[in-house]
Each structure stands twice: as structure tokens, then as C-alpha cells.
All heavy atoms as atom14 arrays in JSON, in Angstrom:
{
  "sequence": "QNDILDLYQENIPSLLSSTSNYIDRKNIFFQYLQKTIHRITDS",
  "atom14_mask": [
    [1, 1, 1, 1, 1, 1, 1, 1, 1, 0, 0, 0, 0, 0],
    [1, 1, 1, 1, 1, 1, 1, 1, 0, 0, 0, 0, 0, 0],
    [1, 1, 1, 1, 1, 1, 1, 1, 0, 0, 0, 0, 0, 0],
    [1, 1, 1, 1, 1, 1, 1, 1, 0, 0, 0, 0, 0, 0],
    [1, 1, 1, 1, 1, 1, 1, 1, 0, 0, 0, 0, 0, 0],
    [1, 1, 1, 1, 1, 1, 1, 1, 0, 0, 0, 0, 0, 0],
    [1, 1, 1, 1, 1, 1, 1, 1, 0, 0, 0, 0, 0, 0],
    [1, 1, 1, 1, 1, 1, 1, 1, 1, 1, 1, 1, 0, 0],
    [1, 1, 1, 1, 1, 1, 1, 1, 1, 0, 0, 0, 0, 0],
    [1, 1, 1, 1, 1, 1, 1, 1, 1, 0, 0, 0, 0, 0],
    [1, 1, 1, 1, 1, 1, 1, 1, 0, 0, 0, 0, 0, 0],
    [1, 1, 1, 1, 1, 1, 1, 1, 0, 0, 0, 0, 0, 0],
    [1, 1, 1, 1, 1, 1, 1, 0, 0, 0, 0, 0, 0, 0],
    [1, 1, 1, 1, 1, 1, 0, 0, 0, 0, 0, 0, 0, 0],
    [1, 1, 1, 1, 1, 1, 1, 1, 0, 0, 0, 0, 0, 0],
    [1, 1, 1, 1, 1, 1, 1, 1, 0, 0, 0, 0, 0, 0],
    [1, 1, 1, 1, 1, 1, 0, 0, 0, 0, 0, 0, 0, 0],
    [1, 1, 1, 1, 1, 1, 0, 0, 0, 0, 0, 0, 0, 0],
    [1, 1, 1, 1, 1, 1, 1, 0, 0, 0, 0, 0, 0, 0],
    [1, 1, 1, 1, 1, 1, 0, 0, 0, 0, 0, 0, 0, 0],
    [1, 1, 1, 1, 1, 1, 1, 1, 0, 0, 0, 0, 0, 0],
    [1, 1, 1, 1, 1, 1, 1, 1, 1, 1, 1, 1, 0, 0],
    [1, 1, 1, 1, 1, 1, 1, 1, 0, 0, 0, 0, 0, 0],
    [1, 1, 1, 1, 1, 1, 1, 1, 0, 0, 0, 0, 0, 0],
    [1, 1, 1, 1, 1, 1, 1, 1, 1, 1, 1, 0, 0, 0],
    [1, 1, 1, 1, 1, 1, 1, 1, 1, 0, 0, 0, 0, 0],
    [1, 1, 1, 1, 1, 1, 1, 1, 0, 0, 0, 0, 0, 0],
    [1, 1, 1, 1, 1, 1, 1, 1, 0, 0, 0, 0, 0, 0],
    [1, 1, 1, 1, 1, 1, 1, 1, 1, 1, 1, 0, 0, 0],
    [1, 1, 1, 1, 1, 1, 1, 1, 1, 1, 1, 0, 0, 0],
    [1, 1, 1, 1, 1, 1, 1, 1, 1, 0, 0, 0, 0, 0],
    [1, 1, 1, 1, 1, 1, 1, 1, 1, 1, 1, 1, 0, 0],
    [1, 1, 1, 1, 1, 1, 1, 1, 0, 0, 0, 0, 0, 0],
    [1, 1, 1, 1, 1, 1, 1, 1, 1, 0, 0, 0, 0, 0],
    [1, 1, 1, 1, 1, 1, 1, 1, 1, 0, 0, 0, 0, 0],
    [1, 1, 1, 1, 1, 1, 1, 0, 0, 0, 0, 0, 0, 0],
    [1, 1, 1, 1, 1, 1, 1, 1, 0, 0, 0, 0, 0, 0],
    [1, 1, 1, 1, 1, 1, 1, 1, 1, 1, 0, 0, 0, 0],
    [1, 1, 1, 1, 1, 1, 1, 1, 1, 1, 1, 0, 0, 0],
    [1, 1, 1, 1, 1, 1, 1, 1, 0, 0, 0, 0, 0, 0],
    [1, 1, 1, 1, 1, 1, 1, 0, 0, 0, 0, 0, 0, 0],
    [1, 1, 1, 1, 1, 1, 1, 1, 0, 0, 0, 0, 0, 0],
    [1, 1, 1, 1, 1, 1, 0, 0, 0, 0, 0, 0, 0, 0]
  ],
  "atom14_positions": [
    [[-69.28, 59.02, -18.51], [-68.91, 57.77, -19.2], [-67.47, 57.91, -19.73], [-66.65, 56.98, -19.57], [-69.86, 57.49, -20.35], [-69.56, 56.2, -21.05], [-70.43, 55.98, -22.31], [-69.98, 55.5, -23.34], [-71.71, 56.39, -22.2], [0.0, 0.0, 0.0], [0.0, 0.0, 0.0], [0.0, 0.0, 0.0], [0.0, 0.0, 0.0], [0.0, 0.0, 0.0]],
    [[-67.16, 59.02, -20.35], [-65.82, 59.24, -20.9], [-64.76, 59.27, -19.8], [-63.62, 58.75, -19.98], [-65.76, 60.53, -21.71], [-66.53, 60.43, -23.0], [-66.72, 59.32, -23.57], [-67.02, 61.55, -23.51], [0.0, 0.0, 0.0], [0.0, 0.0, 0.0], [0.0, 0.0, 0.0], [0.0, 0.0, 0.0], [0.0, 0.0, 0.0], [0.0, 0.0, 0.0]],
    [[-65.05, 59.9, -18.69], [-64.11, 59.98, -17.59], [-63.83, 58.57, -17.05], [-62.67, 58.26, -16.68], [-64.64, 60.9, -16.48], [-64.45, 62.37, -16.82], [-63.53, 62.69, -17.65], [-65.2, 63.2, -16.28], [0.0, 0.0, 0.0], [0.0, 0.0, 0.0], [0.0, 0.0, 0.0], [0.0, 0.0, 0.0], [0.0, 0.0, 0.0], [0.0, 0.0, 0.0]],
    [[-64.85, 57.78, -16.91], [-64.67, 56.4, -16.4], [-63.79, 55.59, -17.34], [-62.86, 54.88, -16.93], [-66.04, 55.72, -16.18], [-66.79, 56.37, -15.03], [-65.85, 54.23, -15.9], [-68.24, 55.94, -14.9], [0.0, 0.0, 0.0], [0.0, 0.0, 0.0], [0.0, 0.0, 0.0], [0.0, 0.0, 0.0], [0.0, 0.0, 0.0], [0.0, 0.0, 0.0]],
    [[-64.05, 55.72, -18.66], [-63.25, 55.01, -19.65], [-61.81, 55.51, -19.64], [-60.87, 54.7, -19.69], [-63.86, 55.2, -21.03], [-65.13, 54.42, -21.31], [-65.79, 54.86, -22.63], [-64.88, 52.9, -21.33], [0.0, 0.0, 0.0], [0.0, 0.0, 0.0], [0.0, 0.0, 0.0], [0.0, 0.0, 0.0], [0.0, 0.0, 0.0], [0.0, 0.0, 0.0]],
    [[-61.6, 56.83, -19.51], [-60.27, 57.37, -19.47], [-59.51, 56.85, -18.25], [-58.32, 56.51, -18.33], [-60.29, 58.9, -19.4], [-60.68, 59.53, -20.74], [-60.66, 58.82, -21.75], [-61.0, 60.74, -20.76], [0.0, 0.0, 0.0], [0.0, 0.0, 0.0], [0.0, 0.0, 0.0], [0.0, 0.0, 0.0], [0.0, 0.0, 0.0], [0.0, 0.0, 0.0]],
    [[-60.21, 56.78, -17.12], [-59.58, 56.31, -15.88], [-59.05, 54.89, -16.05], [-57.89, 54.62, -15.76], [-60.56, 56.39, -14.72], [-60.07, 55.75, -13.41], [-58.9, 56.57, -12.84], [-61.22, 55.65, -12.39], [0.0, 0.0, 0.0], [0.0, 0.0, 0.0], [0.0, 0.0, 0.0], [0.0, 0.0, 0.0], [0.0, 0.0, 0.0], [0.0, 0.0, 0.0]],
    [[-59.93, 53.99, -16.5], [-59.58, 52.57, -16.53], [-58.79, 52.12, -17.78], [-58.14, 51.1, -17.78], [-60.81, 51.72, -16.4], [-61.36, 51.7, -14.98], [-62.47, 52.49, -14.66], [-60.77, 50.97, -13.98], [-62.96, 52.51, -13.33], [-61.22, 50.99, -12.69], [-62.33, 51.78, -12.36], [-62.81, 51.78, -11.07], [0.0, 0.0, 0.0], [0.0, 0.0, 0.0]],
    [[-58.83, 52.96, -18.83], [-58.12, 52.59, -20.04], [-56.87, 53.43, -20.29], [-56.06, 53.09, -21.15], [-59.09, 52.67, -21.24], [-60.23, 51.69, -21.16], [-61.16, 51.76, -22.34], [-61.07, 52.62, -23.22], [-62.07, 50.79, -22.42], [0.0, 0.0, 0.0], [0.0, 0.0, 0.0], [0.0, 0.0, 0.0], [0.0, 0.0, 0.0], [0.0, 0.0, 0.0]],
    [[-56.74, 54.56, -19.56], [-55.55, 55.42, -19.76], [-54.83, 55.69, -18.46], [-53.66, 55.32, -18.32], [-55.98, 56.72, -20.41], [-56.51, 56.55, -21.85], [-56.88, 57.91, -22.48], [-56.44, 58.97, -22.01], [-57.67, 57.88, -23.46], [0.0, 0.0, 0.0], [0.0, 0.0, 0.0], [0.0, 0.0, 0.0], [0.0, 0.0, 0.0], [0.0, 0.0, 0.0]],
    [[-55.5, 56.31, -17.48], [-54.82, 56.73, -16.28], [-54.22, 55.57, -15.49], [-53.03, 55.56, -15.18], [-55.77, 57.53, -15.37], [-56.21, 58.84, -15.98], [-57.25, 58.92, -16.58], [-55.42, 59.9, -15.81], [0.0, 0.0, 0.0], [0.0, 0.0, 0.0], [0.0, 0.0, 0.0], [0.0, 0.0, 0.0], [0.0, 0.0, 0.0], [0.0, 0.0, 0.0]],
    [[-55.07, 54.6, -15.17], [-54.56, 53.48, -14.35], [-53.53, 52.65, -15.1], [-52.48, 52.32, -14.53], [-55.73, 52.61, -13.88], [-56.56, 53.39, -12.81], [-55.25, 51.26, -13.28], [-57.81, 52.66, -12.28], [0.0, 0.0, 0.0], [0.0, 0.0, 0.0], [0.0, 0.0, 0.0], [0.0, 0.0, 0.0], [0.0, 0.0, 0.0], [0.0, 0.0, 0.0]],
    [[-53.74, 52.29, -16.39], [-52.67, 51.55, -17.09], [-51.34, 52.3, -17.16], [-50.27, 51.69, -17.02], [-53.29, 51.35, -18.49], [-54.73, 51.32, -18.29], [-54.98, 52.35, -17.19], [0.0, 0.0, 0.0], [0.0, 0.0, 0.0], [0.0, 0.0, 0.0], [0.0, 0.0, 0.0], [0.0, 0.0, 0.0], [0.0, 0.0, 0.0], [0.0, 0.0, 0.0]],
    [[-51.4, 53.61, -17.35], [-50.15, 54.41, -17.38], [-49.44, 54.37, -16.02], [-48.24, 54.21, -15.94], [-50.45, 55.85, -17.75], [-50.94, 55.96, -19.08], [0.0, 0.0, 0.0], [0.0, 0.0, 0.0], [0.0, 0.0, 0.0], [0.0, 0.0, 0.0], [0.0, 0.0, 0.0], [0.0, 0.0, 0.0], [0.0, 0.0, 0.0], [0.0, 0.0, 0.0]],
    [[-50.25, 54.48, -14.96], [-49.69, 54.42, -13.59], [-49.04, 53.06, -13.35], [-47.92, 52.95, -12.84], [-50.76, 54.72, -12.59], [-50.38, 54.55, -11.12], [-49.23, 55.44, -10.73], [-51.6, 54.77, -10.22], [0.0, 0.0, 0.0], [0.0, 0.0, 0.0], [0.0, 0.0, 0.0], [0.0, 0.0, 0.0], [0.0, 0.0, 0.0], [0.0, 0.0, 0.0]],
    [[-49.78, 52.01, -13.66], [-49.29, 50.65, -13.43], [-48.02, 50.38, -14.26], [-47.11, 49.65, -13.8], [-50.35, 49.61, -13.76], [-51.6, 49.63, -12.83], [-52.59, 48.57, -13.29], [-51.18, 49.44, -11.39], [0.0, 0.0, 0.0], [0.0, 0.0, 0.0], [0.0, 0.0, 0.0], [0.0, 0.0, 0.0], [0.0, 0.0, 0.0], [0.0, 0.0, 0.0]],
    [[-47.96, 50.92, -15.47], [-46.77, 50.77, -16.28], [-45.55, 51.4, -15.63], [-44.46, 50.83, -15.6], [-47.02, 51.35, -17.65], [-45.86, 51.32, -18.47], [0.0, 0.0, 0.0], [0.0, 0.0, 0.0], [0.0, 0.0, 0.0], [0.0, 0.0, 0.0], [0.0, 0.0, 0.0], [0.0, 0.0, 0.0], [0.0, 0.0, 0.0], [0.0, 0.0, 0.0]],
    [[-45.76, 52.63, -15.1], [-44.65, 53.34, -14.45], [-44.15, 52.6, -13.17], [-42.97, 52.43, -12.98], [-45.09, 54.73, -14.07], [-45.24, 55.53, -15.22], [0.0, 0.0, 0.0], [0.0, 0.0, 0.0], [0.0, 0.0, 0.0], [0.0, 0.0, 0.0], [0.0, 0.0, 0.0], [0.0, 0.0, 0.0], [0.0, 0.0, 0.0], [0.0, 0.0, 0.0]],
    [[-45.12, 52.16, -12.36], [-44.71, 51.46, -11.13], [-44.07, 50.13, -11.43], [-43.14, 49.68, -10.74], [-45.93, 51.3, -10.19], [-46.99, 50.6, -10.88], [-46.45, 52.65, -9.71], [0.0, 0.0, 0.0], [0.0, 0.0, 0.0], [0.0, 0.0, 0.0], [0.0, 0.0, 0.0], [0.0, 0.0, 0.0], [0.0, 0.0, 0.0], [0.0, 0.0, 0.0]],
    [[-44.55, 49.44, -12.48], [-43.97, 48.16, -12.86], [-42.52, 48.33, -13.31], [-41.64, 47.53, -12.92], [-44.78, 47.52, -13.99], [-44.24, 46.31, -14.43], [0.0, 0.0, 0.0], [0.0, 0.0, 0.0], [0.0, 0.0, 0.0], [0.0, 0.0, 0.0], [0.0, 0.0, 0.0], [0.0, 0.0, 0.0], [0.0, 0.0, 0.0], [0.0, 0.0, 0.0]],
    [[-42.27, 49.36, -14.1], [-40.91, 49.65, -14.52], [-39.97, 49.95, -13.36], [-38.81, 49.53, -13.31], [-40.86, 50.78, -15.55], [-41.47, 50.44, -16.89], [-41.5, 49.26, -17.24], [-41.96, 51.4, -17.59], [0.0, 0.0, 0.0], [0.0, 0.0, 0.0], [0.0, 0.0, 0.0], [0.0, 0.0, 0.0], [0.0, 0.0, 0.0], [0.0, 0.0, 0.0]],
    [[-40.52, 50.72, -12.4], [-39.72, 51.07, -11.24], [-39.4, 49.83, -10.38], [-38.27, 49.65, -9.94], [-40.5, 52.09, -10.35], [-39.71, 52.63, -9.21], [-38.87, 53.77, -9.38], [-39.79, 52.05, -7.93], [-38.12, 54.28, -8.35], [-39.02, 52.56, -6.87], [-38.23, 53.67, -7.09], [-37.45, 54.16, -6.03], [0.0, 0.0, 0.0], [0.0, 0.0, 0.0]],
    [[-40.39, 48.97, -10.22], [-40.17, 47.75, -9.44], [-39.16, 46.82, -10.14], [-38.35, 46.19, -9.48], [-41.51, 47.01, -9.2], [-42.4, 47.82, -8.25], [-41.29, 45.59, -8.64], [-43.82, 47.33, -8.14], [0.0, 0.0, 0.0], [0.0, 0.0, 0.0], [0.0, 0.0, 0.0], [0.0, 0.0, 0.0], [0.0, 0.0, 0.0], [0.0, 0.0, 0.0]],
    [[-39.19, 46.81, -11.49], [-38.18, 46.03, -12.22], [-36.78, 46.55, -11.91], [-35.84, 45.77, -11.7], [-38.46, 46.11, -13.73], [-39.66, 45.29, -14.16], [-40.12, 44.42, -13.39], [-40.14, 45.55, -15.28], [0.0, 0.0, 0.0], [0.0, 0.0, 0.0], [0.0, 0.0, 0.0], [0.0, 0.0, 0.0], [0.0, 0.0, 0.0], [0.0, 0.0, 0.0]],
    [[-36.63, 47.88, -11.89], [-35.32, 48.47, -11.6], [-34.91, 48.17, -10.13], [-33.75, 47.91, -9.82], [-35.34, 49.99, -11.83], [-35.54, 50.37, -13.25], [-35.1, 51.8, -13.53], [-35.73, 52.77, -12.67], [-36.91, 53.35, -12.95], [-37.58, 53.02, -14.06], [-37.39, 54.24, -12.13], [0.0, 0.0, 0.0], [0.0, 0.0, 0.0], [0.0, 0.0, 0.0]],
    [[-35.91, 48.17, -9.25], [-35.63, 47.91, -7.85], [-35.21, 46.46, -7.6], [-34.44, 46.14, -6.71], [-36.84, 48.3, -6.99], [-36.43, 48.6, -5.53], [-37.49, 49.39, -4.83], [-36.99, 49.89, -3.49], [-38.03, 50.59, -2.72], [0.0, 0.0, 0.0], [0.0, 0.0, 0.0], [0.0, 0.0, 0.0], [0.0, 0.0, 0.0], [0.0, 0.0, 0.0]],
    [[-35.82, 45.58, -8.43], [-35.43, 44.16, -8.26], [-33.97, 43.93, -8.63], [-33.3, 43.06, -8.08], [-36.31, 43.29, -9.18], [-37.7, 43.06, -8.58], [-37.87, 43.08, -7.35], [-38.71, 42.86, -9.42], [0.0, 0.0, 0.0], [0.0, 0.0, 0.0], [0.0, 0.0, 0.0], [0.0, 0.0, 0.0], [0.0, 0.0, 0.0], [0.0, 0.0, 0.0]],
    [[-33.41, 44.77, -9.53], [-32.0, 44.71, -9.85], [-31.22, 45.1, -8.62], [-30.16, 44.47, -8.28], [-31.67, 45.66, -11.03], [-32.37, 45.15, -12.29], [-30.14, 45.74, -11.22], [-32.23, 46.11, -13.46], [0.0, 0.0, 0.0], [0.0, 0.0, 0.0], [0.0, 0.0, 0.0], [0.0, 0.0, 0.0], [0.0, 0.0, 0.0], [0.0, 0.0, 0.0]],
    [[-31.7, 46.12, -7.89], [-31.07, 46.58, -6.68], [-31.13, 45.45, -5.62], [-30.12, 45.16, -4.93], [-31.8, 47.84, -6.16], [-31.3, 48.38, -4.87], [-30.09, 49.04, -4.77], [-32.06, 48.22, -3.67], [-29.64, 49.56, -3.58], [-31.61, 48.73, -2.48], [-30.4, 49.39, -2.43], [0.0, 0.0, 0.0], [0.0, 0.0, 0.0], [0.0, 0.0, 0.0]],
    [[-32.28, 44.8, -5.51], [-32.43, 43.68, -4.53], [-31.43, 42.54, -4.85], [-30.84, 41.97, -3.95], [-33.84, 43.15, -4.52], [-34.86, 44.13, -3.97], [-36.18, 44.05, -4.4], [-34.52, 45.08, -3.05], [-37.15, 44.93, -3.92], [-35.47, 45.96, -2.54], [-36.8, 45.89, -2.97], [0.0, 0.0, 0.0], [0.0, 0.0, 0.0], [0.0, 0.0, 0.0]],
    [[-31.32, 42.28, -6.12], [-30.41, 41.18, -6.54], [-28.94, 41.54, -6.14], [-28.17, 40.65, -5.72], [-30.52, 40.95, -8.03], [-31.83, 40.32, -8.46], [-32.04, 40.33, -9.95], [-31.11, 40.61, -10.71], [-33.29, 40.1, -10.4], [0.0, 0.0, 0.0], [0.0, 0.0, 0.0], [0.0, 0.0, 0.0], [0.0, 0.0, 0.0], [0.0, 0.0, 0.0]],
    [[-28.62, 42.81, -6.32], [-27.25, 43.23, -5.96], [-27.04, 43.09, -4.44], [-26.0, 42.59, -4.0], [-27.01, 44.69, -6.4], [-25.68, 45.21, -5.95], [-24.49, 44.74, -6.48], [-25.61, 46.19, -4.95], [-23.25, 45.19, -6.04], [-24.35, 46.66, -4.51], [-23.21, 46.16, -5.08], [-21.97, 46.61, -4.64], [0.0, 0.0, 0.0], [0.0, 0.0, 0.0]],
    [[-28.02, 43.52, -3.67], [-27.91, 43.4, -2.2], [-27.76, 41.94, -1.79], [-26.97, 41.6, -0.91], [-29.15, 44.02, -1.51], [-29.34, 45.51, -1.65], [-30.51, 45.98, -0.8], [-28.07, 46.31, -1.25], [0.0, 0.0, 0.0], [0.0, 0.0, 0.0], [0.0, 0.0, 0.0], [0.0, 0.0, 0.0], [0.0, 0.0, 0.0], [0.0, 0.0, 0.0]],
    [[-28.55, 41.09, -2.45], [-28.54, 39.67, -2.08], [-27.16, 39.06, -2.35], [-26.72, 38.17, -1.59], [-29.6, 38.95, -2.91], [-29.88, 37.52, -2.42], [-31.06, 36.92, -3.18], [-31.32, 37.24, -4.33], [-31.79, 36.04, -2.5], [0.0, 0.0, 0.0], [0.0, 0.0, 0.0], [0.0, 0.0, 0.0], [0.0, 0.0, 0.0], [0.0, 0.0, 0.0]],
    [[-26.47, 39.54, -3.37], [-25.15, 38.99, -3.71], [-24.05, 39.53, -2.76], [-23.05, 38.86, -2.56], [-24.79, 39.37, -5.13], [-25.56, 38.62, -6.22], [-24.96, 38.87, -7.58], [-24.98, 40.36, -7.93], [-24.41, 40.61, -9.31], [0.0, 0.0, 0.0], [0.0, 0.0, 0.0], [0.0, 0.0, 0.0], [0.0, 0.0, 0.0], [0.0, 0.0, 0.0]],
    [[-24.27, 40.73, -2.25], [-23.14, 41.39, -1.56], [-23.28, 41.55, -0.05], [-22.26, 41.75, 0.64], [-22.94, 42.82, -2.17], [-24.18, 43.51, -2.13], [-22.47, 42.74, -3.61], [0.0, 0.0, 0.0], [0.0, 0.0, 0.0], [0.0, 0.0, 0.0], [0.0, 0.0, 0.0], [0.0, 0.0, 0.0], [0.0, 0.0, 0.0], [0.0, 0.0, 0.0]],
    [[-24.52, 41.47, 0.47], [-24.67, 41.65, 1.9], [-24.32, 40.34, 2.62], [-24.73, 39.24, 2.21], [-26.12, 42.06, 2.27], [-26.39, 43.51, 1.77], [-26.36, 41.97, 3.76], [-27.77, 44.0, 2.07], [0.0, 0.0, 0.0], [0.0, 0.0, 0.0], [0.0, 0.0, 0.0], [0.0, 0.0, 0.0], [0.0, 0.0, 0.0], [0.0, 0.0, 0.0]],
    [[-23.56, 40.48, 3.7], [-23.3, 39.31, 4.57], [-23.24, 39.77, 6.03], [-23.04, 40.95, 6.3], [-21.98, 38.64, 4.15], [-20.77, 39.54, 4.24], [-20.3, 40.28, 3.17], [-19.94, 39.86, 5.28], [-19.24, 40.99, 3.53], [-19.01, 40.76, 4.81], [0.0, 0.0, 0.0], [0.0, 0.0, 0.0], [0.0, 0.0, 0.0], [0.0, 0.0, 0.0]],
    [[-23.4, 38.82, 6.89], [-23.37, 39.11, 8.3], [-21.95, 39.44, 8.8], [-21.01, 38.83, 8.38], [-23.93, 37.97, 9.1], [-25.43, 37.8, 9.01], [-25.93, 36.74, 9.99], [-25.27, 35.47, 9.8], [-25.34, 34.43, 10.67], [-26.0, 34.59, 11.8], [-24.72, 33.3, 10.4], [0.0, 0.0, 0.0], [0.0, 0.0, 0.0], [0.0, 0.0, 0.0]],
    [[-21.9, 40.42, 9.72], [-20.66, 40.74, 10.37], [-20.68, 40.09, 11.76], [-19.72, 39.42, 12.19], [-20.46, 42.27, 10.51], [-20.35, 42.9, 9.11], [-19.21, 42.58, 11.34], [-20.3, 44.4, 9.12], [0.0, 0.0, 0.0], [0.0, 0.0, 0.0], [0.0, 0.0, 0.0], [0.0, 0.0, 0.0], [0.0, 0.0, 0.0], [0.0, 0.0, 0.0]],
    [[-21.77, 40.3, 12.46], [-22.02, 39.58, 13.72], [-23.43, 39.0, 13.64], [-24.08, 39.15, 12.62], [-21.92, 40.54, 14.92], [-23.02, 41.48, 14.88], [-20.61, 41.33, 14.93], [0.0, 0.0, 0.0], [0.0, 0.0, 0.0], [0.0, 0.0, 0.0], [0.0, 0.0, 0.0], [0.0, 0.0, 0.0], [0.0, 0.0, 0.0], [0.0, 0.0, 0.0]],
    [[-23.88, 38.41, 14.74], [-25.22, 37.86, 14.77], [-26.3, 38.92, 14.59], [-27.39, 38.63, 14.13], [-25.48, 37.11, 16.07], [-24.71, 35.79, 16.16], [-24.28, 35.33, 15.07], [-24.52, 35.26, 17.24], [0.0, 0.0, 0.0], [0.0, 0.0, 0.0], [0.0, 0.0, 0.0], [0.0, 0.0, 0.0], [0.0, 0.0, 0.0], [0.0, 0.0, 0.0]],
    [[-25.99, 40.16, 14.93], [-27.01, 41.24, 14.89], [-26.69, 42.33, 13.88], [-27.48, 43.27, 13.73], [-27.16, 41.85, 16.28], [-25.91, 42.38, 16.71], [0.0, 0.0, 0.0], [0.0, 0.0, 0.0], [0.0, 0.0, 0.0], [0.0, 0.0, 0.0], [0.0, 0.0, 0.0], [0.0, 0.0, 0.0], [0.0, 0.0, 0.0], [0.0, 0.0, 0.0]]
  ]
}
């Protein structure tokens, strides 16, 4: 019972918090690419 509670109330929330923060930082990277990338040729 304790392990199940720890998993869903501690382990998974901590993991999701870390990945969410990383994705937020990556979205900054995506925004930069969107502003600066342009086509040189059709391909």
C-alpha cells in the first residue's frame, strides 16, 4: 500500500515536474528556431 502511494504521490509527480520543466526550456529553443530558420532552397 505504501509503495503504491509513494509511486503515485511522489515518484510520478516528481518525474512529471522534471519533464515539464525541461519541455518549457525546449519550447524556448523552438521559439528561437521559429524566428531564425528560413529556407535557402526548396529542399
